[in-house]
PDB file of all heavy atoms in Angstrom:
ATOM      1  N   ILE A   1       2.564   7.381   5.189  1.00  0.00           N
ATOM      2  CA  ILE A   1       2.089   7.444   6.575  1.00  0.00           C
ATOM      3  C   ILE A   1       2.373   6.138   7.294  1.00  0.00           C
ATOM      4  O   ILE A   1       2.881   6.122   8.421  1.00  0.00           O
ATOM      5  CB  ILE A   1       0.585   7.770   6.620  1.00  0.00           C
ATOM      6  CG1 ILE A   1       0.334   9.196   6.114  1.00  0.00           C
ATOM      7  CG2 ILE A   1       0.046   7.621   8.043  1.00  0.00           C
ATOM      8  CD1 ILE A   1      -1.134   9.563   6.022  1.00  0.00           C
ATOM      9  N   ASN A   2       2.051   5.014   6.643  1.00  0.00           N
ATOM     10  CA  ASN A   2       2.298   3.714   7.274  1.00  0.00           C
ATOM     11  C   ASN A   2       3.780   3.498   7.556  1.00  0.00           C
ATOM     12  O   ASN A   2       4.162   3.064   8.651  1.00  0.00           O
ATOM     13  CB  ASN A   2       1.764   2.591   6.382  1.00  0.00           C
ATOM     14  CG  ASN A   2       2.025   1.206   6.945  1.00  0.00           C
ATOM     15  OD1 ASN A   2       3.090   0.631   6.755  1.00  0.00           O
ATOM     16  ND2 ASN A   2       1.058   0.685   7.678  1.00  0.00           N
ATOM     17  N   MET A   3       4.628   3.811   6.586  1.00  0.00           N
ATOM     18  CA  MET A   3       6.065   3.649   6.773  1.00  0.00           C
ATOM     19  C   MET A   3       6.581   4.597   7.848  1.00  0.00           C
ATOM     20  O   MET A   3       7.433   4.214   8.667  1.00  0.00           O
ATOM     21  CB  MET A   3       6.793   3.898   5.455  1.00  0.00           C
ATOM     22  CG  MET A   3       6.538   2.853   4.387  1.00  0.00           C
ATOM     23  SD  MET A   3       7.327   3.284   2.809  1.00  0.00           S
ATOM     24  CE  MET A   3       6.729   1.958   1.756  1.00  0.00           C
ATOM     25  N   GLY A   4       6.061   5.824   7.849  1.00  0.00           N
ATOM     26  CA  GLY A   4       6.480   6.789   8.860  1.00  0.00           C
ATOM     27  C   GLY A   4       6.125   6.333  10.259  1.00  0.00           C
ATOM     28  O   GLY A   4       6.909   6.496  11.203  1.00  0.00           O
ATOM     29  N   VAL A   5       4.944   5.738  10.405  1.00  0.00           N
ATOM     30  CA  VAL A   5       4.524   5.211  11.713  1.00  0.00           C
ATOM     31  C   VAL A   5       5.436   4.070  12.142  1.00  0.00           C
ATOM     32  O   VAL A   5       5.885   4.001  13.295  1.00  0.00           O
ATOM     33  CB  VAL A   5       3.061   4.740  11.643  1.00  0.00           C
ATOM     34  CG1 VAL A   5       2.700   3.908  12.881  1.00  0.00           C
ATOM     35  CG2 VAL A   5       2.117   5.937  11.531  1.00  0.00           C
ATOM     36  N   ASN A   6       5.715   3.151  11.223  1.00  0.00           N
ATOM     37  CA  ASN A   6       6.570   2.000  11.547  1.00  0.00           C
ATOM     38  C   ASN A   6       7.985   2.414  11.921  1.00  0.00           C
ATOM     39  O   ASN A   6       8.627   1.774  12.754  1.00  0.00           O
ATOM     40  CB  ASN A   6       6.619   1.040  10.357  1.00  0.00           C
ATOM     41  CG  ASN A   6       5.460   0.071  10.304  1.00  0.00           C
ATOM     42  OD1 ASN A   6       5.578  -1.105  10.604  1.00  0.00           O
ATOM     43  ND2 ASN A   6       4.288   0.585   9.922  1.00  0.00           N
ATOM     44  N   MET A   7       8.469   3.496  11.310  1.00  0.00           N
ATOM     45  CA  MET A   7       9.840   3.953  11.567  1.00  0.00           C
ATOM     46  C   MET A   7       9.936   4.964  12.692  1.00  0.00           C
ATOM     47  O   MET A   7      11.029   5.437  13.016  1.00  0.00           O
ATOM     48  CB  MET A   7      10.416   4.573  10.286  1.00  0.00           C
ATOM     49  CG  MET A   7      10.538   3.610   9.130  1.00  0.00           C
ATOM     50  SD  MET A   7      11.165   4.449   7.640  1.00  0.00           S
ATOM     51  CE  MET A   7      10.988   3.176   6.401  1.00  0.00           C
ATOM     52  N   GLY A   8       8.789   5.324  13.274  1.00  0.00           N
ATOM     53  CA  GLY A   8       8.811   6.289  14.366  1.00  0.00           C
ATOM     54  C   GLY A   8       8.924   7.726  13.901  1.00  0.00           C
ATOM     55  O   GLY A   8       9.275   8.604  14.693  1.00  0.00           O
ATOM     56  N   LEU A   9       8.603   7.977  12.636  1.00  0.00           N
ATOM     57  CA  LEU A   9       8.669   9.340  12.105  1.00  0.00           C
ATOM     58  C   LEU A   9       7.333  10.053  12.196  1.00  0.00           C
ATOM     59  O   LEU A   9       7.278  11.286  12.081  1.00  0.00           O
ATOM     60  CB  LEU A   9       9.114   9.307  10.633  1.00  0.00           C
ATOM     61  CG  LEU A   9      10.468   8.645  10.364  1.00  0.00           C
ATOM     62  CD1 LEU A   9      10.742   8.591   8.861  1.00  0.00           C
ATOM     63  CD2 LEU A   9      11.587   9.403  11.080  1.00  0.00           C
ATOM     64  N   LEU A  10       6.242   9.287  12.392  1.00  0.00           N
ATOM     65  CA  LEU A  10       4.902   9.850  12.509  1.00  0.00           C
ATOM     66  C   LEU A  10       4.175   9.175  13.658  1.00  0.00           C
ATOM     67  O   LEU A  10       4.476   8.015  13.994  1.00  0.00           O
ATOM     68  CB  LEU A  10       4.117   9.635  11.206  1.00  0.00           C
ATOM     69  CG  LEU A  10       4.615  10.384   9.961  1.00  0.00           C
ATOM     70  CD1 LEU A  10       3.864   9.891   8.718  1.00  0.00           C
ATOM     71  CD2 LEU A  10       4.440  11.883  10.128  1.00  0.00           C
ATOM     72  N   PRO A  11       3.192   9.860  14.264  1.00  0.00           N
ATOM     73  CA  PRO A  11       2.404   9.242  15.343  1.00  0.00           C
ATOM     74  C   PRO A  11       1.644   8.017  14.836  1.00  0.00           C
ATOM     75  O   PRO A  11       1.307   7.932  13.647  1.00  0.00           O
ATOM     76  CB  PRO A  11       1.441  10.363  15.768  1.00  0.00           C
ATOM     77  CG  PRO A  11       2.063  11.622  15.283  1.00  0.00           C
ATOM     78  CD  PRO A  11       2.813  11.263  14.033  1.00  0.00           C
ATOM     79  N   THR A  12       1.353   7.090  15.727  1.00  0.00           N
ATOM     80  CA  THR A  12       0.668   5.853  15.371  1.00  0.00           C
ATOM     81  C   THR A  12      -0.716   6.136  14.794  1.00  0.00           C
ATOM     82  O   THR A  12      -1.501   6.876  15.372  1.00  0.00           O
ATOM     83  CB  THR A  12       0.514   4.945  16.612  1.00  0.00           C
ATOM     84  OG1 THR A  12       1.800   4.693  17.160  1.00  0.00           O
ATOM     85  CG2 THR A  12      -0.129   3.623  16.228  1.00  0.00           C
ATOM     86  N   LYS A  13      -0.991   5.535  13.620  1.00  0.00           N
ATOM     87  CA  LYS A  13      -2.289   5.674  12.959  1.00  0.00           C
ATOM     88  C   LYS A  13      -2.698   4.307  12.444  1.00  0.00           C
ATOM     89  O   LYS A  13      -1.866   3.486  12.094  1.00  0.00           O
ATOM     90  CB  LYS A  13      -2.205   6.649  11.767  1.00  0.00           C
ATOM     91  CG  LYS A  13      -1.904   8.056  12.168  1.00  0.00           C
ATOM     92  CD  LYS A  13      -3.075   8.999  12.241  1.00  0.00           C
ATOM     93  CE  LYS A  13      -4.276   8.561  12.978  1.00  0.00           C
ATOM     94  NZ  LYS A  13      -4.307   8.805  14.386  1.00  0.00           N
ATOM     95  N   GLY A  14      -3.990   4.072  12.397  1.00  0.00           N
ATOM     96  CA  GLY A  14      -4.499   2.781  11.953  1.00  0.00           C
ATOM     97  C   GLY A  14      -4.610   2.681  10.451  1.00  0.00           C
ATOM     98  O   GLY A  14      -5.710   2.538   9.909  1.00  0.00           O
ATOM     99  N   LEU A  15      -3.485   2.766   9.756  1.00  0.00           N
ATOM    100  CA  LEU A  15      -3.470   2.667   8.296  1.00  0.00           C
ATOM    101  C   LEU A  15      -2.597   1.499   7.869  1.00  0.00           C
ATOM    102  O   LEU A  15      -1.483   1.338   8.363  1.00  0.00           O
ATOM    103  CB  LEU A  15      -2.936   3.956   7.668  1.00  0.00           C
ATOM    104  CG  LEU A  15      -3.894   5.155   7.586  1.00  0.00           C
ATOM    105  CD1 LEU A  15      -3.156   6.362   7.040  1.00  0.00           C
ATOM    106  CD2 LEU A  15      -5.097   4.845   6.718  1.00  0.00           C
ATOM    107  N   THR A  16      -3.119   0.707   6.952  1.00  0.00           N
ATOM    108  CA  THR A  16      -2.362  -0.430   6.452  1.00  0.00           C
ATOM    109  C   THR A  16      -1.418   0.007   5.342  1.00  0.00           C
ATOM    110  O   THR A  16      -1.529   1.109   4.804  1.00  0.00           O
ATOM    111  CB  THR A  16      -3.314  -1.509   5.904  1.00  0.00           C
ATOM    112  OG1 THR A  16      -4.129  -0.930   4.877  1.00  0.00           O
ATOM    113  CG2 THR A  16      -4.200  -2.057   7.011  1.00  0.00           C
ATOM    114  N   LEU A  17      -0.489  -0.878   4.994  1.00  0.00           N
ATOM    115  CA  LEU A  17       0.419  -0.641   3.872  1.00  0.00           C
ATOM    116  C   LEU A  17      -0.279  -1.132   2.606  1.00  0.00           C
ATOM    117  O   LEU A  17      -0.552  -2.328   2.472  1.00  0.00           O
ATOM    118  CB  LEU A  17       1.729  -1.395   4.097  1.00  0.00           C
ATOM    119  CG  LEU A  17       2.908  -1.068   3.166  1.00  0.00           C
ATOM    120  CD1 LEU A  17       3.245   0.411   3.206  1.00  0.00           C
ATOM    121  CD2 LEU A  17       4.123  -1.902   3.564  1.00  0.00           C
ATOM    122  N   PRO A  18      -0.598  -0.245   1.666  1.00  0.00           N
ATOM    123  CA  PRO A  18      -1.389  -0.632   0.489  1.00  0.00           C
ATOM    124  C   PRO A  18      -0.806  -1.834  -0.255  1.00  0.00           C
ATOM    125  O   PRO A  18       0.405  -1.931  -0.439  1.00  0.00           O
ATOM    126  CB  PRO A  18      -1.335   0.631  -0.385  1.00  0.00           C
ATOM    127  CG  PRO A  18      -1.099   1.749   0.566  1.00  0.00           C
ATOM    128  CD  PRO A  18      -0.215   1.176   1.644  1.00  0.00           C
ATOM    129  N   LEU A  19      -1.705  -2.742  -0.659  1.00  0.00           N
ATOM    130  CA  LEU A  19      -1.376  -3.918  -1.468  1.00  0.00           C
ATOM    131  C   LEU A  19      -0.558  -4.968  -0.726  1.00  0.00           C
ATOM    132  O   LEU A  19      -0.364  -6.079  -1.232  1.00  0.00           O
ATOM    133  CB  LEU A  19      -0.615  -3.519  -2.743  1.00  0.00           C
ATOM    134  CG  LEU A  19      -1.347  -2.554  -3.681  1.00  0.00           C
ATOM    135  CD1 LEU A  19      -0.379  -2.002  -4.742  1.00  0.00           C
ATOM    136  CD2 LEU A  19      -2.510  -3.262  -4.370  1.00  0.00           C
ATOM    137  N   LEU A  20      -0.089  -4.655   0.479  1.00  0.00           N
ATOM    138  CA  LEU A  20       0.764  -5.595   1.213  1.00  0.00           C
ATOM    139  C   LEU A  20       0.112  -6.126   2.485  1.00  0.00           C
ATOM    140  O   LEU A  20       0.131  -7.329   2.739  1.00  0.00           O
ATOM    141  CB  LEU A  20       2.096  -4.927   1.573  1.00  0.00           C
ATOM    142  CG  LEU A  20       3.069  -4.647   0.428  1.00  0.00           C
ATOM    143  CD1 LEU A  20       4.276  -3.865   0.941  1.00  0.00           C
ATOM    144  CD2 LEU A  20       3.532  -5.938  -0.215  1.00  0.00           C
ATOM    145  N   SER A  21      -0.459  -5.243   3.291  1.00  0.00           N
ATOM    146  CA  SER A  21      -0.978  -5.639   4.593  1.00  0.00           C
ATOM    147  C   SER A  21      -2.229  -6.504   4.487  1.00  0.00           C
ATOM    148  O   SER A  21      -2.956  -6.462   3.488  1.00  0.00           O
ATOM    149  CB  SER A  21      -1.303  -4.397   5.432  1.00  0.00           C
ATOM    150  OG  SER A  21      -0.145  -3.671   5.748  1.00  0.00           O
ATOM    151  N   PHE A  22      -2.485  -7.264   5.551  1.00  0.00           N
ATOM    152  CA  PHE A  22      -3.697  -8.074   5.634  1.00  0.00           C
ATOM    153  C   PHE A  22      -4.908  -7.165   5.770  1.00  0.00           C
ATOM    154  O   PHE A  22      -4.883  -6.171   6.476  1.00  0.00           O
ATOM    155  CB  PHE A  22      -3.622  -9.010   6.845  1.00  0.00           C
ATOM    156  CG  PHE A  22      -4.876  -9.800   7.077  1.00  0.00           C
ATOM    157  CD1 PHE A  22      -5.121 -10.962   6.362  1.00  0.00           C
ATOM    158  CD2 PHE A  22      -5.818  -9.378   8.003  1.00  0.00           C
ATOM    159  CE1 PHE A  22      -6.276 -11.696   6.565  1.00  0.00           C
ATOM    160  CE2 PHE A  22      -6.984 -10.107   8.219  1.00  0.00           C
ATOM    161  CZ  PHE A  22      -7.212 -11.269   7.494  1.00  0.00           C
ATOM    162  N   GLY A  23      -5.996  -7.524   5.097  1.00  0.00           N
ATOM    163  CA  GLY A  23      -7.229  -6.757   5.208  1.00  0.00           C
ATOM    164  C   GLY A  23      -8.067  -6.872   3.957  1.00  0.00           C
ATOM    165  O   GLY A  23      -7.613  -6.511   2.864  1.00  0.00           O
ATOM    166  N   GLY A  24      -9.290  -7.364   4.097  1.00  0.00           N
ATOM    167  CA  GLY A  24     -10.136  -7.594   2.947  1.00  0.00           C
ATOM    168  C   GLY A  24     -10.556  -6.341   2.215  1.00  0.00           C
ATOM    169  O   GLY A  24     -10.366  -6.212   1.001  1.00  0.00           O
ATOM    170  N   SER A  25     -11.139  -5.391   2.948  1.00  0.00           N
ATOM    171  CA  SER A  25     -11.634  -4.166   2.318  1.00  0.00           C
ATOM    172  C   SER A  25     -10.502  -3.395   1.651  1.00  0.00           C
ATOM    173  O   SER A  25     -10.650  -2.884   0.532  1.00  0.00           O
ATOM    174  CB  SER A  25     -12.325  -3.276   3.361  1.00  0.00           C
ATOM    175  OG  SER A  25     -13.455  -3.916   3.906  1.00  0.00           O
ATOM    176  N   ALA A  26      -9.365  -3.304   2.332  1.00  0.00           N
ATOM    177  CA  ALA A  26      -8.229  -2.552   1.793  1.00  0.00           C
ATOM    178  C   ALA A  26      -7.703  -3.185   0.514  1.00  0.00           C
ATOM    179  O   ALA A  26      -7.456  -2.492  -0.482  1.00  0.00           O
ATOM    180  CB  ALA A  26      -7.119  -2.461   2.845  1.00  0.00           C
ATOM    181  N   VAL A  27      -7.531  -4.498   0.524  1.00  0.00           N
ATOM    182  CA  VAL A  27      -6.999  -5.191  -0.656  1.00  0.00           C
ATOM    183  C   VAL A  27      -7.947  -5.064  -1.838  1.00  0.00           C
ATOM    184  O   VAL A  27      -7.521  -4.775  -2.969  1.00  0.00           O
ATOM    185  CB  VAL A  27      -6.737  -6.678  -0.334  1.00  0.00           C
ATOM    186  CG1 VAL A  27      -6.484  -7.474  -1.605  1.00  0.00           C
ATOM    187  CG2 VAL A  27      -5.544  -6.819   0.600  1.00  0.00           C
ATOM    188  N   VAL A  28      -9.239  -5.250  -1.597  1.00  0.00           N
ATOM    189  CA  VAL A  28     -10.222  -5.164  -2.683  1.00  0.00           C
ATOM    190  C   VAL A  28     -10.276  -3.740  -3.241  1.00  0.00           C
ATOM    191  O   VAL A  28     -10.313  -3.544  -4.460  1.00  0.00           O
ATOM    192  CB  VAL A  28     -11.613  -5.614  -2.195  1.00  0.00           C
ATOM    193  CG1 VAL A  28     -12.664  -5.357  -3.272  1.00  0.00           C
ATOM    194  CG2 VAL A  28     -11.599  -7.088  -1.826  1.00  0.00           C
ATOM    195  N   ALA A  29     -10.277  -2.738  -2.345  1.00  0.00           N
ATOM    196  CA  ALA A  29     -10.301  -1.341  -2.798  1.00  0.00           C
ATOM    197  C   ALA A  29      -9.038  -0.993  -3.587  1.00  0.00           C
ATOM    198  O   ALA A  29      -9.106  -0.322  -4.624  1.00  0.00           O
ATOM    199  CB  ALA A  29     -10.448  -0.405  -1.596  1.00  0.00           C
ATOM    200  N   ASN A  30      -7.877  -1.465  -3.114  1.00  0.00           N
ATOM    201  CA  ASN A  30      -6.622  -1.196  -3.814  1.00  0.00           C
ATOM    202  C   ASN A  30      -6.605  -1.845  -5.199  1.00  0.00           C
ATOM    203  O   ASN A  30      -6.201  -1.211  -6.179  1.00  0.00           O
ATOM    204  CB  ASN A  30      -5.439  -1.724  -3.005  1.00  0.00           C
ATOM    205  CG  ASN A  30      -5.201  -0.977  -1.706  1.00  0.00           C
ATOM    206  OD1 ASN A  30      -4.527  -1.471  -0.808  1.00  0.00           O
ATOM    207  ND2 ASN A  30      -5.769   0.221  -1.582  1.00  0.00           N
ATOM    208  N   CYS A  31      -7.054  -3.092  -5.286  1.00  0.00           N
ATOM    209  CA  CYS A  31      -7.076  -3.791  -6.578  1.00  0.00           C
ATOM    210  C   CYS A  31      -8.050  -3.126  -7.548  1.00  0.00           C
ATOM    211  O   CYS A  31      -7.781  -3.037  -8.748  1.00  0.00           O
ATOM    212  CB  CYS A  31      -7.452  -5.258  -6.378  1.00  0.00           C
ATOM    213  SG  CYS A  31      -6.167  -6.258  -5.581  1.00  0.00           S
ATOM    214  N   THR A  32      -9.183  -2.657  -7.016  1.00  0.00           N
ATOM    215  CA  THR A  32     -10.152  -1.948  -7.854  1.00  0.00           C
ATOM    216  C   THR A  32      -9.535  -0.673  -8.404  1.00  0.00           C
ATOM    217  O   THR A  32      -9.696  -0.336  -9.590  1.00  0.00           O
ATOM    218  CB  THR A  32     -11.418  -1.618  -7.060  1.00  0.00           C
ATOM    219  OG1 THR A  32     -11.957  -2.817  -6.484  1.00  0.00           O
ATOM    220  CG2 THR A  32     -12.473  -0.983  -7.949  1.00  0.00           C
ATOM    221  N   ALA A  33      -8.814   0.046  -7.548  1.00  0.00           N
ATOM    222  CA  ALA A  33      -8.144   1.284  -7.983  1.00  0.00           C
ATOM    223  C   ALA A  33      -7.115   0.994  -9.069  1.00  0.00           C
ATOM    224  O   ALA A  33      -6.992   1.758 -10.040  1.00  0.00           O
ATOM    225  CB  ALA A  33      -7.482   1.960  -6.785  1.00  0.00           C
ATOM    226  N   ILE A  34      -6.377  -0.100  -8.928  1.00  0.00           N
ATOM    227  CA  ILE A  34      -5.397  -0.462  -9.952  1.00  0.00           C
ATOM    228  C   ILE A  34      -6.101  -0.781 -11.271  1.00  0.00           C
ATOM    229  O   ILE A  34      -5.612  -0.433 -12.359  1.00  0.00           O
ATOM    230  CB  ILE A  34      -4.550  -1.667  -9.491  1.00  0.00           C
ATOM    231  CG1 ILE A  34      -3.701  -1.286  -8.272  1.00  0.00           C
ATOM    232  CG2 ILE A  34      -3.665  -2.167 -10.619  1.00  0.00           C
ATOM    233  CD1 ILE A  34      -2.706  -0.177  -8.525  1.00  0.00           C
ATOM    234  N   GLY A  35      -7.264  -1.438 -11.195  1.00  0.00           N
ATOM    235  CA  GLY A  35      -8.044  -1.708 -12.401  1.00  0.00           C
ATOM    236  C   GLY A  35      -8.462  -0.424 -13.098  1.00  0.00           C
ATOM    237  O   GLY A  35      -8.399  -0.325 -14.327  1.00  0.00           O
ATOM    238  N   VAL A  36      -8.888   0.570 -12.318  1.00  0.00           N
ATOM    239  CA  VAL A  36      -9.263   1.869 -12.874  1.00  0.00           C
ATOM    240  C   VAL A  36      -8.053   2.541 -13.517  1.00  0.00           C
ATOM    241  O   VAL A  36      -8.142   3.125 -14.610  1.00  0.00           O
ATOM    242  CB  VAL A  36      -9.854   2.775 -11.768  1.00  0.00           C
ATOM    243  CG1 VAL A  36     -10.073   4.202 -12.289  1.00  0.00           C
ATOM    244  CG2 VAL A  36     -11.172   2.199 -11.252  1.00  0.00           C
ATOM    245  N   LEU A  37      -6.908   2.446 -12.858  1.00  0.00           N
ATOM    246  CA  LEU A  37      -5.680   3.047 -13.386  1.00  0.00           C
ATOM    247  C   LEU A  37      -5.245   2.369 -14.683  1.00  0.00           C
ATOM    248  O   LEU A  37      -4.848   3.038 -15.646  1.00  0.00           O
ATOM    249  CB  LEU A  37      -4.572   2.950 -12.329  1.00  0.00           C
ATOM    250  CG  LEU A  37      -3.231   3.612 -12.649  1.00  0.00           C
ATOM    251  CD1 LEU A  37      -3.405   5.114 -12.848  1.00  0.00           C
ATOM    252  CD2 LEU A  37      -2.227   3.338 -11.519  1.00  0.00           C
ATOM    253  N   MET A  38      -5.326   1.047 -14.706  1.00  0.00           N
ATOM    254  CA  MET A  38      -4.980   0.303 -15.923  1.00  0.00           C
ATOM    255  C   MET A  38      -5.924   0.663 -17.067  1.00  0.00           C
ATOM    256  O   MET A  38      -5.510   0.741 -18.229  1.00  0.00           O
ATOM    257  CB  MET A  38      -5.038  -1.204 -15.649  1.00  0.00           C
ATOM    258  CG  MET A  38      -3.997  -1.722 -14.666  1.00  0.00           C
ATOM    259  SD  MET A  38      -2.343  -1.857 -15.376  1.00  0.00           S
ATOM    260  CE  MET A  38      -2.560  -3.182 -16.556  1.00  0.00           C
ATOM    261  N   ARG A  39      -7.203   0.892 -16.747  1.00  0.00           N
ATOM    262  CA  ARG A  39      -8.167   1.275 -17.775  1.00  0.00           C
ATOM    263  C   ARG A  39      -7.805   2.642 -18.356  1.00  0.00           C
ATOM    264  O   ARG A  39      -7.887   2.845 -19.589  1.00  0.00           O
ATOM    265  CB  ARG A  39      -9.569   1.320 -17.184  1.00  0.00           C
ATOM    266  CG  ARG A  39     -10.653   1.801 -18.155  1.00  0.00           C
ATOM    267  CD  ARG A  39     -10.941   0.777 -19.230  1.00  0.00           C
ATOM    268  NE  ARG A  39     -11.780   1.323 -20.301  1.00  0.00           N
ATOM    269  CZ  ARG A  39     -12.450   0.578 -21.166  1.00  0.00           C
ATOM    270  NH1 ARG A  39     -12.393  -0.734 -21.104  1.00  0.00           N
ATOM    271  NH2 ARG A  39     -13.174   1.131 -22.122  1.00  0.00           N
ATOM    272  N   ALA A  40      -7.425   3.575 -17.493  1.00  0.00           N
ATOM    273  CA  ALA A  40      -7.026   4.901 -17.966  1.00  0.00           C
ATOM    274  C   ALA A  40      -5.846   4.789 -18.922  1.00  0.00           C
ATOM    275  O   ALA A  40      -5.806   5.444 -19.976  1.00  0.00           O
ATOM    276  CB  ALA A  40      -6.680   5.802 -16.786  1.00  0.00           C
ATOM    277  N   ASP A  41      -4.877   3.946 -18.576  1.00  0.00           N
ATOM    278  CA  ASP A  41      -3.713   3.751 -19.445  1.00  0.00           C
ATOM    279  C   ASP A  41      -4.123   3.101 -20.763  1.00  0.00           C
ATOM    280  O   ASP A  41      -3.664   3.504 -21.837  1.00  0.00           O
ATOM    281  CB  ASP A  41      -2.685   2.873 -18.723  1.00  0.00           C
ATOM    282  CG  ASP A  41      -1.534   2.481 -19.628  1.00  0.00           C
ATOM    283  OD1 ASP A  41      -0.720   3.359 -19.964  1.00  0.00           O
ATOM    284  OD2 ASP A  41      -1.458   1.298 -20.022  1.00  0.00           O
ATOM    285  N   TRP A  42      -5.003   2.101 -20.707  1.00  0.00           N
ATOM    286  CA  TRP A  42      -5.464   1.409 -21.914  1.00  0.00           C
ATOM    287  C   TRP A  42      -6.177   2.391 -22.846  1.00  0.00           C
ATOM    288  O   TRP A  42      -5.950   2.380 -24.063  1.00  0.00           O
ATOM    289  CB  TRP A  42      -6.402   0.270 -21.529  1.00  0.00           C
ATOM    290  CG  TRP A  42      -6.887  -0.527 -22.702  1.00  0.00           C
ATOM    291  CD1 TRP A  42      -6.255  -1.565 -23.326  1.00  0.00           C
ATOM    292  CD2 TRP A  42      -8.120  -0.337 -23.420  1.00  0.00           C
ATOM    293  NE1 TRP A  42      -7.013  -2.041 -24.370  1.00  0.00           N
ATOM    294  CE2 TRP A  42      -8.158  -1.306 -24.453  1.00  0.00           C
ATOM    295  CE3 TRP A  42      -9.191   0.549 -23.275  1.00  0.00           C
ATOM    296  CZ2 TRP A  42      -9.229  -1.401 -25.334  1.00  0.00           C
ATOM    297  CZ3 TRP A  42     -10.256   0.450 -24.164  1.00  0.00           C
ATOM    298  CH2 TRP A  42     -10.268  -0.510 -25.172  1.00  0.00           C
ATOM    299  N   GLU A  43      -7.030   3.233 -22.280  1.00  0.00           N
ATOM    300  CA  GLU A  43      -7.755   4.201 -23.106  1.00  0.00           C
ATOM    301  C   GLU A  43      -6.793   5.231 -23.697  1.00  0.00           C
ATOM    302  O   GLU A  43      -6.981   5.675 -24.841  1.00  0.00           O
ATOM    303  CB  GLU A  43      -8.845   4.889 -22.285  1.00  0.00           C
ATOM    304  CG  GLU A  43     -10.000   3.955 -21.928  1.00  0.00           C
ATOM    305  CD  GLU A  43     -11.185   4.682 -21.331  1.00  0.00           C
ATOM    306  OE1 GLU A  43     -11.150   5.928 -21.239  1.00  0.00           O
ATOM    307  OE2 GLU A  43     -12.149   4.004 -20.945  1.00  0.00           O
ATOM    308  N   ASN A  44      -5.775   5.623 -22.939  1.00  0.00           N
ATOM    309  CA  ASN A  44      -4.752   6.522 -23.499  1.00  0.00           C
ATOM    310  C   ASN A  44      -4.145   5.926 -24.760  1.00  0.00           C
ATOM    311  O   ASN A  44      -3.973   6.607 -25.781  1.00  0.00           O
ATOM    312  CB  ASN A  44      -3.634   6.766 -22.480  1.00  0.00           C
ATOM    313  CG  ASN A  44      -4.060   7.679 -21.351  1.00  0.00           C
ATOM    314  OD1 ASN A  44      -5.107   8.321 -21.411  1.00  0.00           O
ATOM    315  ND2 ASN A  44      -3.246   7.737 -20.311  1.00  0.00           N
ATOM    316  N   ARG A  45      -3.798   4.650 -24.698  1.00  0.00           N
ATOM    317  CA  ARG A  45      -3.150   3.971 -25.825  1.00  0.00           C
ATOM    318  C   ARG A  45      -4.093   3.864 -27.028  1.00  0.00           C
ATOM    319  O   ARG A  45      -3.658   3.987 -28.181  1.00  0.00           O
ATOM    320  CB  ARG A  45      -2.657   2.588 -25.392  1.00  0.00           C
ATOM    321  CG  ARG A  45      -1.553   2.647 -24.336  1.00  0.00           C
ATOM    322  CD  ARG A  45      -1.296   1.291 -23.696  1.00  0.00           C
ATOM    323  NE  ARG A  45      -0.385   1.405 -22.560  1.00  0.00           N
ATOM    324  CZ  ARG A  45       0.873   0.992 -22.560  1.00  0.00           C
ATOM    325  NH1 ARG A  45       1.392   0.429 -23.631  1.00  0.00           N
ATOM    326  NH2 ARG A  45       1.621   1.124 -21.482  1.00  0.00           N
TER     327      ARG A  45
END
C-alpha cells in the first residue's frame, strides 16, 4: 500500500513503510512482530 501510494498506483493513505519510515509506535510494533516471528522459527527448530 505504501509503495503503491508513492508510485501513484493507489490513493493517498497515511501508512508508513514498515521497518523503514520514521515513527515510534510503528517501529516498536514492527520489531515486536519480528521478535514473535523469530520465536516461532526458534520453536520450530
